[in-house]
Amino acid sequence: LIKHVELTALNHNIKAVELYTNEAMTENLSMYPKLGYIEFERKFEDG
């Protein structure tokens, strides 16, 4: 499903995919870098 989003970006000449995850979701924090995502910020937002 994530690859589908990336291919959609590629097919529409969109140069990046961004996302956020809750810091408590530690599995996500390690999974996204394995998929090529780079963490660029951490902040408190919307609680």
All heavy atoms as atom14 arrays in JSON, in Angstrom:
{
  "sequence": "LIKHVELTALNHNIKAVELYTNEAMTENLSMYPKLGYIEFERKFEDG",
  "atom14_mask": [
    [1, 1, 1, 1, 1, 1, 1, 1, 0, 0, 0, 0, 0, 0],
    [1, 1, 1, 1, 1, 1, 1, 1, 0, 0, 0, 0, 0, 0],
    [1, 1, 1, 1, 1, 1, 1, 1, 1, 0, 0, 0, 0, 0],
    [1, 1, 1, 1, 1, 1, 1, 1, 1, 1, 0, 0, 0, 0],
    [1, 1, 1, 1, 1, 1, 1, 0, 0, 0, 0, 0, 0, 0],
    [1, 1, 1, 1, 1, 1, 1, 1, 1, 0, 0, 0, 0, 0],
    [1, 1, 1, 1, 1, 1, 1, 1, 0, 0, 0, 0, 0, 0],
    [1, 1, 1, 1, 1, 1, 1, 0, 0, 0, 0, 0, 0, 0],
    [1, 1, 1, 1, 1, 0, 0, 0, 0, 0, 0, 0, 0, 0],
    [1, 1, 1, 1, 1, 1, 1, 1, 0, 0, 0, 0, 0, 0],
    [1, 1, 1, 1, 1, 1, 1, 1, 0, 0, 0, 0, 0, 0],
    [1, 1, 1, 1, 1, 1, 1, 1, 1, 1, 0, 0, 0, 0],
    [1, 1, 1, 1, 1, 1, 1, 1, 0, 0, 0, 0, 0, 0],
    [1, 1, 1, 1, 1, 1, 1, 1, 0, 0, 0, 0, 0, 0],
    [1, 1, 1, 1, 1, 1, 1, 1, 1, 0, 0, 0, 0, 0],
    [1, 1, 1, 1, 1, 0, 0, 0, 0, 0, 0, 0, 0, 0],
    [1, 1, 1, 1, 1, 1, 1, 0, 0, 0, 0, 0, 0, 0],
    [1, 1, 1, 1, 1, 1, 1, 1, 1, 0, 0, 0, 0, 0],
    [1, 1, 1, 1, 1, 1, 1, 1, 0, 0, 0, 0, 0, 0],
    [1, 1, 1, 1, 1, 1, 1, 1, 1, 1, 1, 1, 0, 0],
    [1, 1, 1, 1, 1, 1, 1, 0, 0, 0, 0, 0, 0, 0],
    [1, 1, 1, 1, 1, 1, 1, 1, 0, 0, 0, 0, 0, 0],
    [1, 1, 1, 1, 1, 1, 1, 1, 1, 0, 0, 0, 0, 0],
    [1, 1, 1, 1, 1, 0, 0, 0, 0, 0, 0, 0, 0, 0],
    [1, 1, 1, 1, 1, 1, 1, 1, 0, 0, 0, 0, 0, 0],
    [1, 1, 1, 1, 1, 1, 1, 0, 0, 0, 0, 0, 0, 0],
    [1, 1, 1, 1, 1, 1, 1, 1, 1, 0, 0, 0, 0, 0],
    [1, 1, 1, 1, 1, 1, 1, 1, 0, 0, 0, 0, 0, 0],
    [1, 1, 1, 1, 1, 1, 1, 1, 0, 0, 0, 0, 0, 0],
    [1, 1, 1, 1, 1, 1, 0, 0, 0, 0, 0, 0, 0, 0],
    [1, 1, 1, 1, 1, 1, 1, 1, 0, 0, 0, 0, 0, 0],
    [1, 1, 1, 1, 1, 1, 1, 1, 1, 1, 1, 1, 0, 0],
    [1, 1, 1, 1, 1, 1, 1, 0, 0, 0, 0, 0, 0, 0],
    [1, 1, 1, 1, 1, 1, 1, 1, 1, 0, 0, 0, 0, 0],
    [1, 1, 1, 1, 1, 1, 1, 1, 0, 0, 0, 0, 0, 0],
    [1, 1, 1, 1, 0, 0, 0, 0, 0, 0, 0, 0, 0, 0],
    [1, 1, 1, 1, 1, 1, 1, 1, 1, 1, 1, 1, 0, 0],
    [1, 1, 1, 1, 1, 1, 1, 1, 0, 0, 0, 0, 0, 0],
    [1, 1, 1, 1, 1, 1, 1, 1, 1, 0, 0, 0, 0, 0],
    [1, 1, 1, 1, 1, 1, 1, 1, 1, 1, 1, 0, 0, 0],
    [1, 1, 1, 1, 1, 1, 1, 1, 1, 0, 0, 0, 0, 0],
    [1, 1, 1, 1, 1, 1, 1, 1, 1, 1, 1, 0, 0, 0],
    [1, 1, 1, 1, 1, 1, 1, 1, 1, 0, 0, 0, 0, 0],
    [1, 1, 1, 1, 1, 1, 1, 1, 1, 1, 1, 0, 0, 0],
    [1, 1, 1, 1, 1, 1, 1, 1, 1, 0, 0, 0, 0, 0],
    [1, 1, 1, 1, 1, 1, 1, 1, 0, 0, 0, 0, 0, 0],
    [1, 1, 1, 1, 0, 0, 0, 0, 0, 0, 0, 0, 0, 0]
  ],
  "atom14_positions": [
    [[0.83, -1.2, 0.0], [0.0, 0.0, 0.0], [0.87, 1.26, 0.0], [0.59, 2.22, -0.72], [-0.94, -0.01, 1.2], [-2.12, -0.97, 1.11], [-2.77, -1.16, 2.47], [-3.14, -0.49, 0.08], [0.0, 0.0, 0.0], [0.0, 0.0, 0.0], [0.0, 0.0, 0.0], [0.0, 0.0, 0.0], [0.0, 0.0, 0.0], [0.0, 0.0, 0.0]],
    [[1.94, 1.25, 0.78], [2.86, 2.39, 0.79], [3.52, 2.54, -0.58], [3.66, 3.65, -1.1], [3.89, 2.24, 1.92], [3.18, 2.35, 3.29], [5.0, 3.28, 1.79], [4.03, 1.95, 4.47], [0.0, 0.0, 0.0], [0.0, 0.0, 0.0], [0.0, 0.0, 0.0], [0.0, 0.0, 0.0], [0.0, 0.0, 0.0], [0.0, 0.0, 0.0]],
    [[3.91, 1.45, -1.18], [4.51, 1.48, -2.52], [3.52, 2.06, -3.53], [3.9, 2.8, -4.44], [4.96, 0.07, -2.92], [5.75, 0.04, -4.19], [7.07, 0.76, -4.03], [7.95, 0.6, -5.23], [9.16, 1.44, -5.11], [0.0, 0.0, 0.0], [0.0, 0.0, 0.0], [0.0, 0.0, 0.0], [0.0, 0.0, 0.0], [0.0, 0.0, 0.0]],
    [[2.25, 1.74, -3.38], [1.2, 2.29, -4.25], [1.2, 3.82, -4.16], [1.09, 4.51, -5.19], [-0.16, 1.72, -3.85], [-1.31, 2.42, -4.48], [-1.59, 2.33, -5.83], [-2.26, 3.23, -3.96], [-2.67, 3.05, -6.11], [-3.09, 3.61, -4.98], [0.0, 0.0, 0.0], [0.0, 0.0, 0.0], [0.0, 0.0, 0.0], [0.0, 0.0, 0.0]],
    [[1.33, 4.36, -2.95], [1.37, 5.82, -2.78], [2.6, 6.38, -3.49], [2.51, 7.38, -4.2], [1.39, 6.18, -1.27], [1.57, 7.69, -1.08], [0.11, 5.7, -0.59], [0.0, 0.0, 0.0], [0.0, 0.0, 0.0], [0.0, 0.0, 0.0], [0.0, 0.0, 0.0], [0.0, 0.0, 0.0], [0.0, 0.0, 0.0], [0.0, 0.0, 0.0]],
    [[3.73, 5.72, -3.32], [4.97, 6.19, -3.96], [4.86, 6.15, -5.48], [5.31, 7.07, -6.17], [6.14, 5.34, -3.48], [6.43, 5.53, -1.99], [7.4, 4.52, -1.43], [7.91, 3.66, -2.19], [7.66, 4.57, -0.21], [0.0, 0.0, 0.0], [0.0, 0.0, 0.0], [0.0, 0.0, 0.0], [0.0, 0.0, 0.0], [0.0, 0.0, 0.0]],
    [[4.28, 5.09, -6.03], [4.09, 5.0, -7.48], [3.11, 6.05, -7.99], [3.29, 6.59, -9.09], [3.64, 3.59, -7.87], [4.68, 2.5, -7.73], [4.08, 1.12, -7.96], [5.85, 2.74, -8.69], [0.0, 0.0, 0.0], [0.0, 0.0, 0.0], [0.0, 0.0, 0.0], [0.0, 0.0, 0.0], [0.0, 0.0, 0.0], [0.0, 0.0, 0.0]],
    [[2.1, 6.35, -7.2], [1.17, 7.42, -7.57], [1.91, 8.75, -7.64], [1.72, 9.53, -8.59], [0.0, 7.5, -6.56], [-0.68, 6.24, -6.56], [-0.97, 8.61, -6.92], [0.0, 0.0, 0.0], [0.0, 0.0, 0.0], [0.0, 0.0, 0.0], [0.0, 0.0, 0.0], [0.0, 0.0, 0.0], [0.0, 0.0, 0.0], [0.0, 0.0, 0.0]],
    [[2.77, 9.01, -6.66], [3.58, 10.23, -6.69], [4.43, 10.27, -7.95], [4.45, 11.27, -8.68], [4.46, 10.32, -5.44], [0.0, 0.0, 0.0], [0.0, 0.0, 0.0], [0.0, 0.0, 0.0], [0.0, 0.0, 0.0], [0.0, 0.0, 0.0], [0.0, 0.0, 0.0], [0.0, 0.0, 0.0], [0.0, 0.0, 0.0], [0.0, 0.0, 0.0]],
    [[5.11, 9.17, -8.23], [5.97, 9.09, -9.41], [5.17, 9.33, -10.69], [5.57, 10.12, -11.55], [6.66, 7.73, -9.46], [7.66, 7.5, -10.57], [8.87, 8.41, -10.39], [8.11, 6.04, -10.57], [0.0, 0.0, 0.0], [0.0, 0.0, 0.0], [0.0, 0.0, 0.0], [0.0, 0.0, 0.0], [0.0, 0.0, 0.0], [0.0, 0.0, 0.0]],
    [[4.02, 8.7, -10.81], [3.19, 8.83, -12.0], [2.61, 10.23, -12.19], [2.23, 10.6, -13.29], [2.06, 7.8, -11.98], [2.58, 6.39, -12.18], [3.65, 6.19, -12.75], [1.83, 5.41, -11.7], [0.0, 0.0, 0.0], [0.0, 0.0, 0.0], [0.0, 0.0, 0.0], [0.0, 0.0, 0.0], [0.0, 0.0, 0.0], [0.0, 0.0, 0.0]],
    [[2.53, 10.99, -11.11], [2.0, 12.36, -11.18], [3.1, 13.41, -11.03], [2.82, 14.58, -10.79], [0.92, 12.56, -10.12], [-0.34, 11.83, -10.43], [-0.56, 10.52, -10.06], [-1.44, 12.22, -11.11], [-1.74, 10.14, -10.48], [-2.3, 11.14, -11.13], [0.0, 0.0, 0.0], [0.0, 0.0, 0.0], [0.0, 0.0, 0.0], [0.0, 0.0, 0.0]],
    [[4.34, 12.96, -11.19], [5.5, 13.85, -11.12], [5.55, 14.64, -9.81], [5.92, 15.81, -9.78], [5.53, 14.8, -12.33], [6.92, 15.34, -12.57], [7.91, 14.67, -12.32], [6.99, 16.57, -13.06], [0.0, 0.0, 0.0], [0.0, 0.0, 0.0], [0.0, 0.0, 0.0], [0.0, 0.0, 0.0], [0.0, 0.0, 0.0], [0.0, 0.0, 0.0]],
    [[5.17, 13.98, -8.73], [5.26, 14.56, -7.39], [6.53, 14.0, -6.77], [6.74, 12.78, -6.77], [4.01, 14.22, -6.55], [2.78, 14.82, -7.24], [4.16, 14.71, -5.12], [1.46, 14.38, -6.64], [0.0, 0.0, 0.0], [0.0, 0.0, 0.0], [0.0, 0.0, 0.0], [0.0, 0.0, 0.0], [0.0, 0.0, 0.0], [0.0, 0.0, 0.0]],
    [[7.36, 14.85, -6.27], [8.74, 14.49, -5.93], [8.94, 13.89, -4.54], [10.06, 13.51, -4.21], [9.65, 15.71, -6.08], [9.62, 16.32, -7.47], [10.14, 15.36, -8.51], [10.18, 16.01, -9.88], [10.42, 15.09, -10.94], [0.0, 0.0, 0.0], [0.0, 0.0, 0.0], [0.0, 0.0, 0.0], [0.0, 0.0, 0.0], [0.0, 0.0, 0.0]],
    [[7.88, 13.82, -3.7], [8.1, 13.3, -2.35], [6.8, 12.79, -1.74], [5.7, 13.2, -2.14], [8.7, 14.37, -1.46], [0.0, 0.0, 0.0], [0.0, 0.0, 0.0], [0.0, 0.0, 0.0], [0.0, 0.0, 0.0], [0.0, 0.0, 0.0], [0.0, 0.0, 0.0], [0.0, 0.0, 0.0], [0.0, 0.0, 0.0], [0.0, 0.0, 0.0]],
    [[6.96, 11.91, -0.76], [5.86, 11.45, 0.08], [6.25, 11.81, 1.51], [7.39, 11.56, 1.93], [5.63, 9.92, -0.04], [4.57, 9.45, 0.95], [5.23, 9.56, -1.47], [0.0, 0.0, 0.0], [0.0, 0.0, 0.0], [0.0, 0.0, 0.0], [0.0, 0.0, 0.0], [0.0, 0.0, 0.0], [0.0, 0.0, 0.0], [0.0, 0.0, 0.0]],
    [[5.32, 12.4, 2.24], [5.56, 12.72, 3.64], [4.47, 12.09, 4.5], [3.35, 11.86, 4.04], [5.58, 14.25, 3.87], [6.76, 14.92, 3.24], [6.9, 16.39, 3.63], [6.14, 16.87, 4.51], [7.77, 17.05, 3.04], [0.0, 0.0, 0.0], [0.0, 0.0, 0.0], [0.0, 0.0, 0.0], [0.0, 0.0, 0.0], [0.0, 0.0, 0.0]],
    [[4.83, 11.83, 5.75], [3.91, 11.24, 6.71], [4.37, 11.58, 8.1], [5.49, 12.05, 8.3], [3.84, 9.72, 6.52], [5.15, 8.96, 6.74], [5.25, 8.42, 8.16], [5.25, 7.82, 5.75], [0.0, 0.0, 0.0], [0.0, 0.0, 0.0], [0.0, 0.0, 0.0], [0.0, 0.0, 0.0], [0.0, 0.0, 0.0], [0.0, 0.0, 0.0]],
    [[3.51, 11.33, 9.06], [3.92, 11.41, 10.45], [3.35, 10.22, 11.19], [2.39, 9.59, 10.74], [3.5, 12.73, 11.12], [2.02, 12.98, 11.15], [1.2, 12.38, 12.1], [1.43, 13.85, 10.24], [-0.16, 12.62, 12.14], [0.08, 14.09, 10.26], [-0.71, 13.49, 11.22], [-2.06, 13.72, 11.24], [0.0, 0.0, 0.0], [0.0, 0.0, 0.0]],
    [[3.97, 9.9, 12.31], [3.5, 8.83, 13.16], [3.66, 9.27, 14.6], [4.5, 10.12, 14.92], [4.25, 7.51, 12.88], [3.63, 6.45, 13.6], [5.71, 7.59, 13.24], [0.0, 0.0, 0.0], [0.0, 0.0, 0.0], [0.0, 0.0, 0.0], [0.0, 0.0, 0.0], [0.0, 0.0, 0.0], [0.0, 0.0, 0.0], [0.0, 0.0, 0.0]],
    [[2.86, 8.72, 15.44], [2.97, 9.0, 16.87], [4.28, 8.41, 17.39], [4.62, 7.28, 17.05], [1.77, 8.37, 17.59], [1.67, 8.8, 19.02], [2.63, 8.72, 19.79], [0.49, 9.26, 19.41], [0.0, 0.0, 0.0], [0.0, 0.0, 0.0], [0.0, 0.0, 0.0], [0.0, 0.0, 0.0], [0.0, 0.0, 0.0], [0.0, 0.0, 0.0]],
    [[5.0, 9.17, 18.2], [6.27, 8.68, 18.75], [6.09, 7.39, 19.56], [7.03, 6.62, 19.68], [6.92, 9.75, 19.63], [7.53, 10.89, 18.87], [8.22, 11.89, 19.77], [8.22, 11.72, 21.01], [8.77, 12.87, 19.23], [0.0, 0.0, 0.0], [0.0, 0.0, 0.0], [0.0, 0.0, 0.0], [0.0, 0.0, 0.0], [0.0, 0.0, 0.0]],
    [[4.9, 7.16, 20.07], [4.65, 5.94, 20.84], [4.6, 4.69, 19.95], [4.71, 3.57, 20.44], [3.34, 6.07, 21.62], [0.0, 0.0, 0.0], [0.0, 0.0, 0.0], [0.0, 0.0, 0.0], [0.0, 0.0, 0.0], [0.0, 0.0, 0.0], [0.0, 0.0, 0.0], [0.0, 0.0, 0.0], [0.0, 0.0, 0.0], [0.0, 0.0, 0.0]],
    [[4.46, 4.88, 18.65], [4.4, 3.75, 17.7], [5.84, 3.38, 17.32], [6.29, 3.65, 16.2], [3.58, 4.14, 16.48], [2.21, 4.66, 16.81], [1.12, 3.38, 17.41], [0.31, 2.95, 15.93], [0.0, 0.0, 0.0], [0.0, 0.0, 0.0], [0.0, 0.0, 0.0], [0.0, 0.0, 0.0], [0.0, 0.0, 0.0], [0.0, 0.0, 0.0]],
    [[6.54, 2.75, 18.24], [7.96, 2.49, 18.05], [8.24, 1.59, 16.85], [9.28, 1.73, 16.21], [8.57, 1.87, 19.33], [7.84, 0.7, 19.68], [8.51, 2.87, 20.48], [0.0, 0.0, 0.0], [0.0, 0.0, 0.0], [0.0, 0.0, 0.0], [0.0, 0.0, 0.0], [0.0, 0.0, 0.0], [0.0, 0.0, 0.0], [0.0, 0.0, 0.0]],
    [[7.33, 0.68, 16.52], [7.52, -0.16, 15.33], [7.57, 0.7, 14.07], [8.38, 0.45, 13.18], [6.41, -1.2, 15.21], [6.49, -2.29, 16.26], [5.38, -3.31, 16.12], [4.7, -3.34, 15.07], [5.19, -4.08, 17.07], [0.0, 0.0, 0.0], [0.0, 0.0, 0.0], [0.0, 0.0, 0.0], [0.0, 0.0, 0.0], [0.0, 0.0, 0.0]],
    [[6.73, 1.73, 14.0], [6.73, 2.62, 12.84], [8.02, 3.41, 12.76], [8.54, 3.66, 11.67], [5.55, 3.59, 12.91], [4.22, 2.93, 12.68], [4.14, 1.76, 12.32], [3.16, 3.67, 12.91], [0.0, 0.0, 0.0], [0.0, 0.0, 0.0], [0.0, 0.0, 0.0], [0.0, 0.0, 0.0], [0.0, 0.0, 0.0], [0.0, 0.0, 0.0]],
    [[8.53, 3.83, 13.91], [9.76, 4.62, 13.93], [10.94, 3.87, 13.33], [11.85, 4.47, 12.77], [10.1, 5.06, 15.36], [9.1, 6.01, 16.02], [9.52, 6.29, 17.45], [8.95, 7.3, 15.22], [0.0, 0.0, 0.0], [0.0, 0.0, 0.0], [0.0, 0.0, 0.0], [0.0, 0.0, 0.0], [0.0, 0.0, 0.0], [0.0, 0.0, 0.0]],
    [[10.92, 2.54, 13.44], [12.01, 1.75, 12.84], [11.64, 1.25, 11.45], [12.53, 1.03, 10.62], [12.38, 0.58, 13.75], [11.29, -0.3, 13.91], [0.0, 0.0, 0.0], [0.0, 0.0, 0.0], [0.0, 0.0, 0.0], [0.0, 0.0, 0.0], [0.0, 0.0, 0.0], [0.0, 0.0, 0.0], [0.0, 0.0, 0.0], [0.0, 0.0, 0.0]],
    [[10.36, 1.09, 11.15], [9.94, 0.57, 9.85], [10.12, 1.58, 8.72], [10.64, 1.25, 7.66], [8.47, 0.13, 9.89], [7.96, -0.37, 8.54], [6.18, -0.56, 8.47], [5.62, 1.13, 8.55], [0.0, 0.0, 0.0], [0.0, 0.0, 0.0], [0.0, 0.0, 0.0], [0.0, 0.0, 0.0], [0.0, 0.0, 0.0], [0.0, 0.0, 0.0]],
    [[9.7, 2.83, 8.94], [9.75, 3.81, 7.84], [11.17, 4.04, 7.33], [11.37, 4.11, 6.11], [9.03, 5.1, 8.22], [7.53, 4.93, 8.22], [6.79, 5.1, 9.38], [6.85, 4.58, 7.06], [5.41, 4.92, 9.38], [5.48, 4.4, 7.05], [4.76, 4.57, 8.22], [3.4, 4.39, 8.2], [0.0, 0.0, 0.0], [0.0, 0.0, 0.0]],
    [[12.18, 4.14, 8.19], [13.54, 4.27, 7.64], [13.96, 3.08, 6.78], [14.67, 3.24, 5.79], [14.42, 4.4, 8.89], [13.51, 5.02, 9.91], [12.16, 4.38, 9.64], [0.0, 0.0, 0.0], [0.0, 0.0, 0.0], [0.0, 0.0, 0.0], [0.0, 0.0, 0.0], [0.0, 0.0, 0.0], [0.0, 0.0, 0.0], [0.0, 0.0, 0.0]],
    [[13.5, 1.89, 7.13], [13.81, 0.71, 6.32], [13.18, 0.8, 4.93], [13.65, 0.16, 3.99], [13.34, -0.57, 7.02], [14.15, -0.88, 8.26], [13.61, -2.09, 8.98], [14.37, -2.33, 10.28], [13.76, -3.36, 11.11], [0.0, 0.0, 0.0], [0.0, 0.0, 0.0], [0.0, 0.0, 0.0], [0.0, 0.0, 0.0], [0.0, 0.0, 0.0]],
    [[12.12, 1.59, 4.81], [11.45, 1.79, 3.52], [11.98, 3.01, 2.78], [11.44, 3.4, 1.75], [9.93, 1.92, 3.73], [9.24, 0.69, 4.33], [7.76, 0.99, 4.59], [9.39, -0.52, 3.43], [0.0, 0.0, 0.0], [0.0, 0.0, 0.0], [0.0, 0.0, 0.0], [0.0, 0.0, 0.0], [0.0, 0.0, 0.0], [0.0, 0.0, 0.0]],
    [[13.04, 3.62, 3.32], [13.66, 4.76, 2.64], [13.21, 6.12, 3.12], [13.59, 7.14, 2.54], [0.0, 0.0, 0.0], [0.0, 0.0, 0.0], [0.0, 0.0, 0.0], [0.0, 0.0, 0.0], [0.0, 0.0, 0.0], [0.0, 0.0, 0.0], [0.0, 0.0, 0.0], [0.0, 0.0, 0.0], [0.0, 0.0, 0.0], [0.0, 0.0, 0.0]],
    [[12.4, 6.18, 4.16], [11.92, 7.45, 4.68], [12.93, 8.03, 5.67], [13.53, 7.29, 6.45], [10.55, 7.29, 5.35], [9.46, 7.08, 4.32], [9.27, 5.83, 3.74], [8.67, 8.13, 3.9], [8.3, 5.63, 2.78], [7.7, 7.95, 2.94], [7.51, 6.7, 2.38], [6.56, 6.52, 1.41], [0.0, 0.0, 0.0], [0.0, 0.0, 0.0]],
    [[13.09, 9.33, 5.63], [14.04, 10.02, 6.5], [13.25, 10.89, 7.47], [12.4, 11.7, 7.05], [15.01, 10.89, 5.68], [15.85, 9.98, 4.76], [15.89, 11.74, 6.58], [16.66, 10.72, 3.73], [0.0, 0.0, 0.0], [0.0, 0.0, 0.0], [0.0, 0.0, 0.0], [0.0, 0.0, 0.0], [0.0, 0.0, 0.0], [0.0, 0.0, 0.0]],
    [[13.54, 10.72, 8.74], [12.88, 11.56, 9.75], [13.45, 12.96, 9.66], [14.67, 13.15, 9.65], [13.11, 10.98, 11.14], [12.39, 11.76, 12.22], [12.58, 11.17, 13.61], [12.79, 9.95, 13.74], [12.52, 11.97, 14.56], [0.0, 0.0, 0.0], [0.0, 0.0, 0.0], [0.0, 0.0, 0.0], [0.0, 0.0, 0.0], [0.0, 0.0, 0.0]],
    [[12.57, 13.97, 9.62], [13.05, 15.35, 9.52], [12.57, 16.25, 10.64], [13.06, 17.38, 10.77], [12.7, 15.96, 8.15], [11.23, 16.17, 7.9], [10.6, 17.35, 8.28], [10.48, 15.19, 7.27], [9.25, 17.55, 8.03], [9.13, 15.39, 7.01], [8.51, 16.57, 7.41], [0.0, 0.0, 0.0], [0.0, 0.0, 0.0], [0.0, 0.0, 0.0]],
    [[11.65, 15.77, 11.48], [11.18, 16.63, 12.56], [10.41, 15.8, 13.59], [9.82, 14.79, 13.26], [10.25, 17.71, 11.98], [9.74, 18.7, 12.98], [8.91, 19.81, 12.36], [8.38, 19.64, 11.24], [8.78, 20.85, 13.02], [0.0, 0.0, 0.0], [0.0, 0.0, 0.0], [0.0, 0.0, 0.0], [0.0, 0.0, 0.0], [0.0, 0.0, 0.0]],
    [[10.46, 16.27, 14.84], [9.6, 15.76, 15.9], [9.01, 16.97, 16.6], [9.72, 17.94, 16.87], [10.36, 14.9, 16.9], [10.72, 13.55, 16.34], [11.15, 12.6, 17.43], [11.66, 11.38, 16.81], [11.67, 10.21, 17.41], [11.24, 10.08, 18.64], [12.13, 9.16, 16.78], [0.0, 0.0, 0.0], [0.0, 0.0, 0.0], [0.0, 0.0, 0.0]],
    [[7.72, 16.89, 16.86], [7.09, 17.99, 17.59], [5.77, 17.52, 18.2], [5.21, 16.51, 17.81], [6.87, 19.2, 16.68], [5.88, 19.0, 15.56], [5.77, 20.25, 14.7], [4.87, 20.02, 13.51], [4.76, 21.2, 12.66], [0.0, 0.0, 0.0], [0.0, 0.0, 0.0], [0.0, 0.0, 0.0], [0.0, 0.0, 0.0], [0.0, 0.0, 0.0]],
    [[5.31, 18.31, 19.17], [4.01, 18.09, 19.8], [2.98, 18.82, 18.97], [3.11, 20.03, 18.72], [4.04, 18.62, 21.23], [2.79, 18.3, 22.0], [2.58, 17.03, 22.51], [1.84, 19.28, 22.21], [1.42, 16.73, 23.22], [0.68, 18.99, 22.92], [0.48, 17.71, 23.43], [0.0, 0.0, 0.0], [0.0, 0.0, 0.0], [0.0, 0.0, 0.0]],
    [[1.96, 18.09, 18.48], [0.97, 18.68, 17.59], [-0.37, 18.01, 17.82], [-0.46, 16.78, 17.87], [1.43, 18.48, 16.14], [0.5, 19.02, 15.1], [0.99, 18.76, 13.7], [0.94, 17.59, 13.26], [1.43, 19.71, 13.04], [0.0, 0.0, 0.0], [0.0, 0.0, 0.0], [0.0, 0.0, 0.0], [0.0, 0.0, 0.0], [0.0, 0.0, 0.0]],
    [[-1.42, 18.8, 17.96], [-2.78, 18.29, 18.13], [-2.89, 17.28, 19.27], [-3.63, 16.29, 19.18], [-3.31, 17.67, 16.83], [-3.41, 18.68, 15.71], [-3.66, 19.88, 16.0], [-3.23, 18.29, 14.54], [0.0, 0.0, 0.0], [0.0, 0.0, 0.0], [0.0, 0.0, 0.0], [0.0, 0.0, 0.0], [0.0, 0.0, 0.0], [0.0, 0.0, 0.0]],
    [[-2.11, 17.48, 20.33], [-2.19, 16.62, 21.5], [-1.31, 15.38, 21.45], [-1.41, 14.52, 22.32], [0.0, 0.0, 0.0], [0.0, 0.0, 0.0], [0.0, 0.0, 0.0], [0.0, 0.0, 0.0], [0.0, 0.0, 0.0], [0.0, 0.0, 0.0], [0.0, 0.0, 0.0], [0.0, 0.0, 0.0], [0.0, 0.0, 0.0], [0.0, 0.0, 0.0]]
  ]
}
